Amino acid sequence: MQNQNLLNNSEAAAYLGVTEGTLTVWRSCGRYNLPFVKVGRLVRYRLTDLNAFLDSRTQTKTA
C-alpha cells in the first residue's frame, strides 16, 4: 500500500531532524524544493521525496 510511504508533518520533521514549524515555514515560503502532498487540510510527505531532498543537500566539502 502506498500510504505507508506517506509521513505527516510531525513524522517528516522528526525524520529530517527539524521542527514542525520549520517544515511549515519551508512549505509556505518555498525556501526549499521539498515536495508535499496536500489533500484538503492534510499535508503529507513521501519518504522518497524526503530522501531525495537529503541527497540534494549532501555536501562533500565545505568550500
N, C-alpha and C. Protein backbone atom coordinates (compact mmCIF):
# COMPACT_ATOMS: atom_id res chain seq x y z
N MET A 1 0.84 -1.18 0.00
CA MET A 1 0.00 0.00 0.00
C MET A 1 0.89 1.24 0.00
N GLN A 2 0.56 2.22 -0.81
CA GLN A 2 1.38 3.40 -0.98
C GLN A 2 1.32 4.34 0.22
N ASN A 3 0.26 4.33 1.00
CA ASN A 3 0.13 5.23 2.14
C ASN A 3 1.18 4.97 3.21
N GLN A 4 1.78 3.81 3.21
CA GLN A 4 2.83 3.50 4.18
C GLN A 4 4.03 4.40 3.98
N ASN A 5 4.20 4.94 2.77
CA ASN A 5 5.33 5.79 2.45
C ASN A 5 5.01 7.27 2.63
N LEU A 6 3.83 7.60 3.14
CA LEU A 6 3.46 8.99 3.39
C LEU A 6 3.62 9.31 4.86
N LEU A 7 4.34 10.38 5.16
CA LEU A 7 4.57 10.80 6.53
C LEU A 7 3.84 12.11 6.78
N ASN A 8 3.28 12.24 7.97
CA ASN A 8 2.63 13.51 8.31
C ASN A 8 3.71 14.53 8.68
N ASN A 9 3.30 15.75 8.98
CA ASN A 9 4.23 16.83 9.27
C ASN A 9 5.15 16.49 10.44
N SER A 10 4.61 15.92 11.48
CA SER A 10 5.39 15.56 12.66
C SER A 10 6.43 14.49 12.33
N GLU A 11 6.01 13.45 11.62
CA GLU A 11 6.92 12.36 11.26
C GLU A 11 8.02 12.84 10.31
N ALA A 12 7.64 13.68 9.35
CA ALA A 12 8.62 14.19 8.39
C ALA A 12 9.63 15.09 9.09
N ALA A 13 9.17 15.92 10.00
CA ALA A 13 10.07 16.80 10.74
C ALA A 13 11.06 15.97 11.56
N ALA A 14 10.57 14.95 12.23
CA ALA A 14 11.45 14.09 13.02
C ALA A 14 12.46 13.38 12.11
N TYR A 15 12.01 12.94 10.96
CA TYR A 15 12.89 12.24 10.01
C TYR A 15 14.02 13.16 9.54
N LEU A 16 13.69 14.44 9.29
CA LEU A 16 14.69 15.39 8.82
C LEU A 16 15.49 16.02 9.95
N GLY A 17 15.01 15.89 11.18
CA GLY A 17 15.70 16.48 12.32
C GLY A 17 15.45 17.97 12.47
N VAL A 18 14.28 18.41 12.04
CA VAL A 18 13.88 19.82 12.18
C VAL A 18 12.56 19.87 12.93
N THR A 19 12.12 21.07 13.29
CA THR A 19 10.83 21.19 13.98
C THR A 19 9.69 21.20 12.96
N GLU A 20 8.50 20.94 13.45
CA GLU A 20 7.31 21.01 12.59
C GLU A 20 7.13 22.42 12.05
N GLY A 21 7.43 23.40 12.89
CA GLY A 21 7.31 24.79 12.47
C GLY A 21 8.25 25.12 11.31
N THR A 22 9.44 24.55 11.33
CA THR A 22 10.39 24.76 10.24
C THR A 22 9.82 24.23 8.94
N LEU A 23 9.25 23.04 8.97
CA LEU A 23 8.64 22.48 7.76
C LEU A 23 7.49 23.37 7.26
N THR A 24 6.72 23.89 8.18
CA THR A 24 5.61 24.77 7.82
C THR A 24 6.13 26.02 7.12
N VAL A 25 7.19 26.61 7.65
CA VAL A 25 7.77 27.81 7.04
C VAL A 25 8.33 27.47 5.66
N TRP A 26 9.07 26.37 5.55
CA TRP A 26 9.63 25.97 4.26
C TRP A 26 8.52 25.80 3.22
N ARG A 27 7.42 25.21 3.66
CA ARG A 27 6.30 24.95 2.76
C ARG A 27 5.64 26.25 2.31
N SER A 28 5.45 27.16 3.25
CA SER A 28 4.72 28.38 2.93
C SER A 28 5.54 29.38 2.11
N CYS A 29 6.85 29.44 2.34
CA CYS A 29 7.65 30.42 1.61
C CYS A 29 8.41 29.80 0.44
N GLY A 30 8.39 28.48 0.32
CA GLY A 30 9.07 27.82 -0.79
C GLY A 30 10.58 27.92 -0.71
N ARG A 31 11.11 27.97 0.50
CA ARG A 31 12.56 28.11 0.67
C ARG A 31 13.34 26.97 0.04
N TYR A 32 12.84 25.76 0.19
CA TYR A 32 13.49 24.59 -0.40
C TYR A 32 12.50 23.88 -1.31
N ASN A 33 13.04 23.20 -2.29
CA ASN A 33 12.20 22.43 -3.20
C ASN A 33 11.91 21.07 -2.56
N LEU A 34 11.00 21.08 -1.62
CA LEU A 34 10.62 19.87 -0.89
C LEU A 34 9.16 19.57 -1.19
N PRO A 35 8.91 18.65 -2.11
CA PRO A 35 7.52 18.36 -2.50
C PRO A 35 6.70 17.80 -1.35
N PHE A 36 5.42 18.11 -1.36
CA PHE A 36 4.49 17.57 -0.37
C PHE A 36 3.17 17.29 -1.05
N VAL A 37 2.37 16.45 -0.42
CA VAL A 37 1.06 16.08 -0.92
C VAL A 37 0.02 16.75 -0.04
N LYS A 38 -0.93 17.41 -0.64
CA LYS A 38 -1.97 18.09 0.12
C LYS A 38 -3.33 17.55 -0.30
N VAL A 39 -4.05 17.03 0.66
CA VAL A 39 -5.41 16.54 0.43
C VAL A 39 -6.29 17.24 1.46
N GLY A 40 -7.06 18.19 0.99
CA GLY A 40 -7.83 19.01 1.93
C GLY A 40 -6.87 19.76 2.82
N ARG A 41 -7.02 19.61 4.12
CA ARG A 41 -6.12 20.27 5.08
C ARG A 41 -4.93 19.41 5.46
N LEU A 42 -4.92 18.17 5.02
CA LEU A 42 -3.84 17.25 5.38
C LEU A 42 -2.60 17.49 4.51
N VAL A 43 -1.46 17.50 5.14
CA VAL A 43 -0.18 17.61 4.44
C VAL A 43 0.59 16.34 4.71
N ARG A 44 1.09 15.74 3.65
CA ARG A 44 1.88 14.52 3.78
C ARG A 44 3.13 14.65 2.92
N TYR A 45 4.17 13.95 3.34
CA TYR A 45 5.43 13.93 2.61
C TYR A 45 5.74 12.49 2.21
N ARG A 46 6.15 12.30 0.97
CA ARG A 46 6.59 10.98 0.52
C ARG A 46 8.00 10.73 1.05
N LEU A 47 8.23 9.54 1.54
CA LEU A 47 9.54 9.18 2.06
C LEU A 47 10.60 9.31 0.97
N THR A 48 10.25 8.96 -0.26
CA THR A 48 11.21 9.07 -1.36
C THR A 48 11.59 10.53 -1.61
N ASP A 49 10.63 11.46 -1.46
CA ASP A 49 10.93 12.88 -1.63
C ASP A 49 11.83 13.40 -0.52
N LEU A 50 11.61 12.93 0.70
CA LEU A 50 12.46 13.34 1.81
C LEU A 50 13.89 12.84 1.60
N ASN A 51 14.03 11.62 1.14
CA ASN A 51 15.36 11.06 0.88
C ASN A 51 16.05 11.81 -0.26
N ALA A 52 15.30 12.16 -1.30
CA ALA A 52 15.86 12.92 -2.42
C ALA A 52 16.30 14.31 -1.95
N PHE A 53 15.51 14.93 -1.07
CA PHE A 53 15.86 16.23 -0.51
C PHE A 53 17.17 16.12 0.27
N LEU A 54 17.30 15.11 1.10
CA LEU A 54 18.53 14.93 1.86
C LEU A 54 19.72 14.69 0.93
N ASP A 55 19.51 13.89 -0.10
CA ASP A 55 20.58 13.63 -1.07
C ASP A 55 21.02 14.93 -1.75
N SER A 56 20.06 15.78 -2.09
CA SER A 56 20.39 17.02 -2.78
C SER A 56 21.12 18.01 -1.87
N ARG A 57 20.97 17.87 -0.57
CA ARG A 57 21.61 18.76 0.39
C ARG A 57 22.95 18.21 0.89
N THR A 58 23.33 17.04 0.46
CA THR A 58 24.56 16.40 0.91
C THR A 58 25.78 17.12 0.31
N GLN A 59 26.69 17.50 1.16
CA GLN A 59 27.90 18.21 0.74
C GLN A 59 29.12 17.30 0.92
N THR A 60 30.10 17.47 0.05
CA THR A 60 31.33 16.68 0.18
C THR A 60 32.50 17.51 0.65
N LYS A 61 32.35 18.85 0.60
CA LYS A 61 33.39 19.74 1.11
C LYS A 61 32.75 21.04 1.58
N THR A 62 33.47 21.78 2.37
CA THR A 62 32.90 22.99 2.97
C THR A 62 33.11 24.24 2.12
N ALA A 63 34.04 24.22 1.22
CA ALA A 63 34.31 25.43 0.42
C ALA A 63 33.63 25.39 -0.92
